[in-house]
Amino acid sequence: MGPLLSPPFFIDLAVMRKFAPPLAPLLPDEIYNLDCMDGFPLIPDKSVDLILTDIPYSVVNRPSNGLRTLTKKKADRSTFELGKFLEESVRVCRGSLYIFCGTEQVSFIREFLVRSKLSTRLLIWEKTNPSPMNGQSIWLSGIEVCVFGKFRGAPFNEHCRNTILRYPSGKSKIHPTQKPVEMFEYLVTVSSDPGDLVLDPCMGSGTTALACLRSGRHFIGFEKSKRFYQESLRRLRNGAGHRHQIRRTARQAGDHS
């Protein structure tokens, strides 16, 4: 893998792509302005080492297991079938999955992964600086949940680690449900090896991509919102200090394959 394994892991994306695994018609180390349900069919079976994603939070299960966004100022508006999303995630993944979600989705996601022969755990992100909103009258909203699934033989670069993740919530956010890049970088290093390919189907502000750049992993991501797609590219440029080629859709990448 050459320079991809040599710290520091902040390297030029052109170098990363040189050592990236083939994924035609998509290109690794890119974010695509594309609905993930349109992007999944472009990814071969068992070609992704890790899925790390944060699905829309303001959602409820429909009888058909679909997701419907509730009204929330500045939040994403997204509708997709949760069952189909999980089906595609399991199809393309050969390692582990981290799915940050609403508490209403935990049981469905976990049961689906168990039926798909994955070992599962429920992870809790404990915010060390929870918002004091309404704290005088009710418990603070200081945690978020994540369903973890692991295929047998997938990397786990930890030992006897508890399922509680303690990280502060960032004060400056691009996305309303943005996660700390330090937490995502930790999860990436625990459940993948340098040079592995990480997929985020709901890329949002680009936290997963930035975590991969910081840890020497390849990434690919989909983001349906044009606004957050553009913000994620801007964040990568500013945060990593390296050039990033803009690709608006997966079809554009296919034209070059």
Protein backbone atom coordinates (compact mmCIF):
# COMPACT_ATOMS: atom_id res chain seq x y z
CA MET A 1 0.00 0.00 0.00
CA GLY A 2 3.03 2.29 0.11
CA PRO A 3 2.51 5.80 1.44
CA LEU A 4 -1.07 5.11 2.49
CA LEU A 5 0.26 3.23 5.52
CA SER A 6 2.89 5.77 6.50
CA PRO A 7 1.80 8.29 9.16
CA PRO A 8 0.67 10.97 9.19
CA PHE A 9 -2.39 9.69 7.37
CA PHE A 10 -3.40 13.12 6.02
CA ILE A 11 -2.32 12.64 2.42
CA ASP A 12 -3.34 14.00 -0.94
CA LEU A 13 -6.49 12.40 -2.32
CA ALA A 14 -4.73 11.87 -5.63
CA VAL A 15 -2.30 9.58 -3.79
CA MET A 16 -5.13 7.77 -2.03
CA ARG A 17 -6.88 7.08 -5.33
CA LYS A 18 -3.69 5.61 -6.77
CA PHE A 19 -3.85 2.84 -4.17
CA ALA A 20 -7.65 2.53 -4.03
CA PRO A 21 -9.47 -0.72 -4.81
CA PRO A 22 -11.45 -0.84 -8.09
CA LEU A 23 -15.10 0.09 -7.71
CA ALA A 24 -16.27 0.99 -11.24
CA PRO A 25 -18.35 2.88 -12.19
CA LEU A 26 -17.84 4.71 -8.89
CA LEU A 27 -14.51 6.13 -7.80
CA PRO A 28 -13.25 5.67 -4.23
CA ASP A 29 -12.47 8.75 -2.14
CA GLU A 30 -15.44 10.61 -3.62
CA ILE A 31 -18.76 11.92 -2.33
CA TYR A 32 -21.66 11.74 -4.79
CA ASN A 33 -24.69 14.03 -4.84
CA LEU A 34 -26.97 11.03 -5.13
CA ASP A 35 -29.74 9.30 -3.20
CA CYS A 36 -28.18 6.26 -1.55
CA MET A 37 -30.93 4.01 -2.91
CA ASP A 38 -29.81 4.99 -6.40
CA GLY A 39 -26.16 4.58 -5.44
CA PHE A 40 -26.32 1.17 -3.79
CA PRO A 41 -26.95 -0.74 -7.07
CA LEU A 42 -23.65 0.64 -8.40
CA ILE A 43 -21.67 -1.07 -5.63
CA PRO A 44 -20.64 -4.73 -6.08
CA ASP A 45 -21.51 -7.40 -3.52
CA LYS A 46 -19.17 -7.64 -0.51
CA SER A 47 -16.86 -4.86 -1.75
CA VAL A 48 -17.07 -2.56 1.30
CA ASP A 49 -15.08 -3.23 4.48
CA LEU A 50 -17.08 -0.95 6.77
CA ILE A 51 -20.33 1.01 6.70
CA LEU A 52 -20.47 3.98 9.05
CA THR A 53 -23.56 6.12 8.71
CA ASP A 54 -26.07 8.31 10.48
CA ILE A 55 -29.53 7.82 9.00
CA PRO A 56 -32.16 10.60 9.26
CA TYR A 57 -33.19 11.03 12.88
CA SER A 58 -36.60 12.71 12.76
CA VAL A 59 -38.30 9.59 11.49
CA VAL A 60 -40.91 7.03 12.46
CA ASN A 61 -41.53 3.53 11.19
CA ARG A 62 -44.40 3.06 8.79
CA PRO A 63 -46.20 -0.30 8.70
CA SER A 64 -44.16 -1.08 5.58
CA ASN A 65 -40.93 -0.36 7.52
CA GLY A 66 -40.44 2.83 5.57
CA LEU A 67 -39.19 6.04 7.12
CA ARG A 68 -41.10 9.30 7.20
CA THR A 69 -39.42 12.51 8.25
CA LEU A 70 -41.14 14.46 10.99
CA THR A 71 -41.11 18.24 10.91
CA LYS A 72 -37.84 19.59 12.27
CA LYS A 73 -36.34 22.94 11.44
CA LYS A 74 -33.24 22.70 9.22
CA ALA A 75 -33.25 18.88 9.29
CA ASP A 76 -33.02 16.69 6.22
CA ARG A 77 -36.20 15.63 4.50
CA SER A 78 -35.66 12.02 3.51
CA THR A 79 -37.89 9.10 2.67
CA PHE A 80 -36.71 5.57 1.99
CA GLU A 81 -37.55 2.01 2.89
CA LEU A 82 -35.54 1.01 5.95
CA GLY A 83 -35.74 -2.67 5.11
CA LYS A 84 -34.40 -2.09 1.59
CA PHE A 85 -31.69 0.19 2.97
CA LEU A 86 -30.53 -2.53 5.36
CA GLU A 87 -30.80 -5.20 2.67
CA GLU A 88 -28.48 -3.24 0.40
CA SER A 89 -26.11 -2.40 3.25
CA VAL A 90 -25.71 -6.06 4.16
CA ARG A 91 -25.27 -6.99 0.50
CA VAL A 92 -22.34 -4.65 -0.15
CA CYS A 93 -20.64 -5.00 3.25
CA ARG A 94 -18.16 -7.74 4.12
CA GLY A 95 -17.06 -6.37 7.50
CA SER A 96 -18.95 -4.29 10.05
CA LEU A 97 -21.72 -1.70 10.15
CA TYR A 98 -22.35 1.23 12.49
CA ILE A 99 -25.81 2.73 12.03
CA PHE A 100 -26.62 5.78 14.15
CA CYS A 101 -30.40 6.04 14.27
CA GLY A 102 -33.44 7.08 16.26
CA THR A 103 -34.49 4.95 19.21
CA GLU A 104 -37.63 3.95 17.28
CA GLN A 105 -35.51 2.14 14.69
CA VAL A 106 -33.17 0.21 17.01
CA SER A 107 -35.22 -2.98 17.32
CA PHE A 108 -35.97 -3.27 13.61
CA ILE A 109 -32.34 -2.67 12.59
CA ARG A 110 -30.92 -5.02 15.17
CA GLU A 111 -33.36 -7.83 14.33
CA PHE A 112 -32.60 -7.44 10.62
CA LEU A 113 -28.85 -7.72 11.23
CA VAL A 114 -29.29 -10.77 13.45
CA ARG A 115 -31.34 -12.48 10.73
CA SER A 116 -28.52 -11.64 8.33
CA LYS A 117 -26.07 -13.59 10.53
CA LEU A 118 -24.26 -10.60 12.04
CA SER A 119 -23.27 -10.28 15.69
CA THR A 120 -24.79 -7.10 17.11
CA ARG A 121 -24.35 -4.62 19.93
CA LEU A 122 -26.12 -1.42 20.90
CA LEU A 123 -23.67 1.46 21.30
CA ILE A 124 -24.47 4.60 23.26
CA TRP A 125 -22.92 7.97 22.53
CA GLU A 126 -22.89 9.81 25.86
CA LYS A 127 -22.47 13.51 25.20
CA THR A 128 -20.10 14.98 27.77
CA ASN A 129 -21.62 18.42 27.18
CA PRO A 130 -25.37 17.82 26.70
CA SER A 131 -27.63 20.73 25.89
CA PRO A 132 -29.26 22.16 29.06
CA MET A 133 -32.53 22.78 27.20
CA ASN A 134 -35.52 22.09 29.51
CA GLY A 135 -33.13 20.70 32.10
CA GLN A 136 -35.06 22.36 34.92
CA SER A 137 -38.12 20.23 34.22
CA ILE A 138 -36.97 16.97 32.61
CA TRP A 139 -33.93 14.72 32.12
CA LEU A 140 -31.38 16.10 29.69
CA SER A 141 -31.22 14.58 26.22
CA GLY A 142 -27.60 13.52 26.55
CA ILE A 143 -27.30 10.29 24.57
CA GLU A 144 -27.72 8.97 21.03
CA VAL A 145 -27.84 5.35 19.91
CA CYS A 146 -26.00 3.31 17.30
CA VAL A 147 -26.61 -0.27 16.18
CA PHE A 148 -23.38 -2.17 15.48
CA GLY A 149 -23.26 -5.29 13.34
CA LYS A 150 -20.24 -7.46 12.56
CA PHE A 151 -19.70 -10.32 10.15
CA ARG A 152 -17.50 -13.14 11.41
CA GLY A 153 -13.83 -12.43 10.77
CA ALA A 154 -14.23 -8.67 10.39
CA PRO A 155 -11.53 -6.52 12.03
CA PHE A 156 -11.99 -5.45 15.64
CA ASN A 157 -8.93 -3.54 16.77
CA GLU A 158 -9.89 -3.20 20.43
CA HIS A 159 -9.92 -5.35 23.56
CA CYS A 160 -12.64 -5.53 26.22
CA ARG A 161 -14.05 -2.14 25.28
CA ASN A 162 -17.41 -1.08 26.69
CA THR A 163 -20.26 0.06 24.42
CA ILE A 164 -20.39 3.59 25.87
CA LEU A 165 -18.72 6.26 23.72
CA ARG A 166 -18.02 9.50 25.59
CA TYR A 167 -17.41 12.49 23.34
CA PRO A 168 -18.52 16.12 23.43
CA SER A 169 -21.02 17.39 20.92
CA GLY A 170 -19.45 19.97 18.63
CA LYS A 171 -20.45 23.59 19.14
CA SER A 172 -20.13 24.52 15.48
CA LYS A 173 -22.26 22.37 13.18
CA ILE A 174 -22.95 22.28 9.46
CA HIS A 175 -25.57 19.54 9.77
CA PRO A 176 -28.20 19.45 12.57
CA THR A 177 -27.25 15.88 13.57
CA GLN A 178 -23.51 16.18 12.89
CA LYS A 179 -21.32 13.78 14.88
CA PRO A 180 -17.85 14.43 16.34
CA VAL A 181 -15.16 13.54 13.82
CA GLU A 182 -13.01 12.19 16.68
CA MET A 183 -15.69 9.63 17.53
CA PHE A 184 -16.09 8.56 13.91
CA GLU A 185 -12.33 8.32 13.49
CA TYR A 186 -12.19 6.04 16.53
CA LEU A 187 -14.92 3.77 15.13
CA VAL A 188 -13.18 3.64 11.76
CA THR A 189 -9.88 2.59 13.34
CA VAL A 190 -11.58 -0.03 15.54
CA SER A 191 -13.50 -1.76 12.75
CA SER A 192 -11.25 -1.45 9.69
CA ASP A 193 -7.60 -1.55 8.74
CA PRO A 194 -5.53 1.08 6.90
CA GLY A 195 -6.34 1.00 3.20
CA ASP A 196 -9.83 -0.46 3.72
CA LEU A 197 -12.91 0.98 2.01
CA VAL A 198 -15.56 2.71 4.14
CA LEU A 199 -19.05 3.56 2.86
CA ASP A 200 -21.38 6.22 4.25
CA PRO A 201 -24.72 6.09 2.40
CA CYS A 202 -25.97 9.23 4.23
CA MET A 203 -22.82 11.35 4.22
CA GLY A 204 -24.36 14.58 5.50
CA SER A 205 -21.60 17.08 6.27
CA GLY A 206 -18.76 14.67 5.43
CA THR A 207 -17.73 13.52 8.91
CA THR A 208 -17.11 9.92 7.81
CA ALA A 209 -14.99 11.03 4.85
CA LEU A 210 -12.93 13.31 7.08
CA ALA A 211 -12.45 10.50 9.62
CA CYS A 212 -11.21 8.24 6.81
CA LEU A 213 -8.75 10.85 5.59
CA ARG A 214 -7.41 11.20 9.12
CA SER A 215 -6.97 7.45 9.55
CA GLY A 216 -5.72 6.30 6.15
CA ARG A 217 -8.90 4.61 4.91
CA HIS A 218 -10.59 4.96 1.55
CA PHE A 219 -14.16 6.19 1.51
CA ILE A 220 -17.17 6.55 -0.71
CA GLY A 221 -20.31 8.44 0.20
CA PHE A 222 -23.74 9.47 -1.03
CA GLU A 223 -25.56 12.63 -0.03
CA LYS A 224 -28.97 13.46 -1.47
CA SER A 225 -29.06 17.10 -0.36
CA LYS A 226 -27.19 19.39 -2.74
CA ARG A 227 -26.58 21.84 0.09
CA PHE A 228 -24.98 19.31 2.43
CA TYR A 229 -23.13 17.69 -0.48
CA GLN A 230 -21.47 21.00 -1.29
CA GLU A 231 -20.80 21.68 2.39
CA SER A 232 -19.16 18.27 2.78
CA LEU A 233 -16.76 18.97 -0.11
CA ARG A 234 -15.94 22.36 1.35
CA ARG A 235 -15.33 20.78 4.75
CA LEU A 236 -12.98 18.21 3.26
CA ARG A 237 -10.97 20.92 1.56
CA ASN A 238 -10.76 23.00 4.71
CA GLY A 239 -10.32 20.16 7.18
CA ALA A 240 -7.88 17.99 5.29
CA GLY A 241 -6.08 20.71 3.38
CA HIS A 242 -6.07 18.67 0.18
CA ARG A 243 -7.76 19.11 -3.15
CA HIS A 244 -10.98 17.21 -3.77
CA GLN A 245 -12.48 16.70 -7.18
CA ILE A 246 -16.19 17.46 -7.33
CA ARG A 247 -18.40 14.80 -8.89
CA ARG A 248 -22.09 15.64 -8.94
CA THR A 249 -23.49 12.22 -9.78
CA ALA A 250 -22.35 8.64 -10.09
CA ARG A 251 -23.26 8.77 -13.76
CA GLN A 252 -20.52 11.30 -14.37
CA ALA A 253 -18.04 8.86 -12.87
CA GLY A 254 -19.47 6.13 -15.07
CA ASP A 255 -18.76 8.20 -18.15
CA HIS A 256 -15.05 7.98 -17.30
CA SER A 257 -14.92 4.26 -16.57
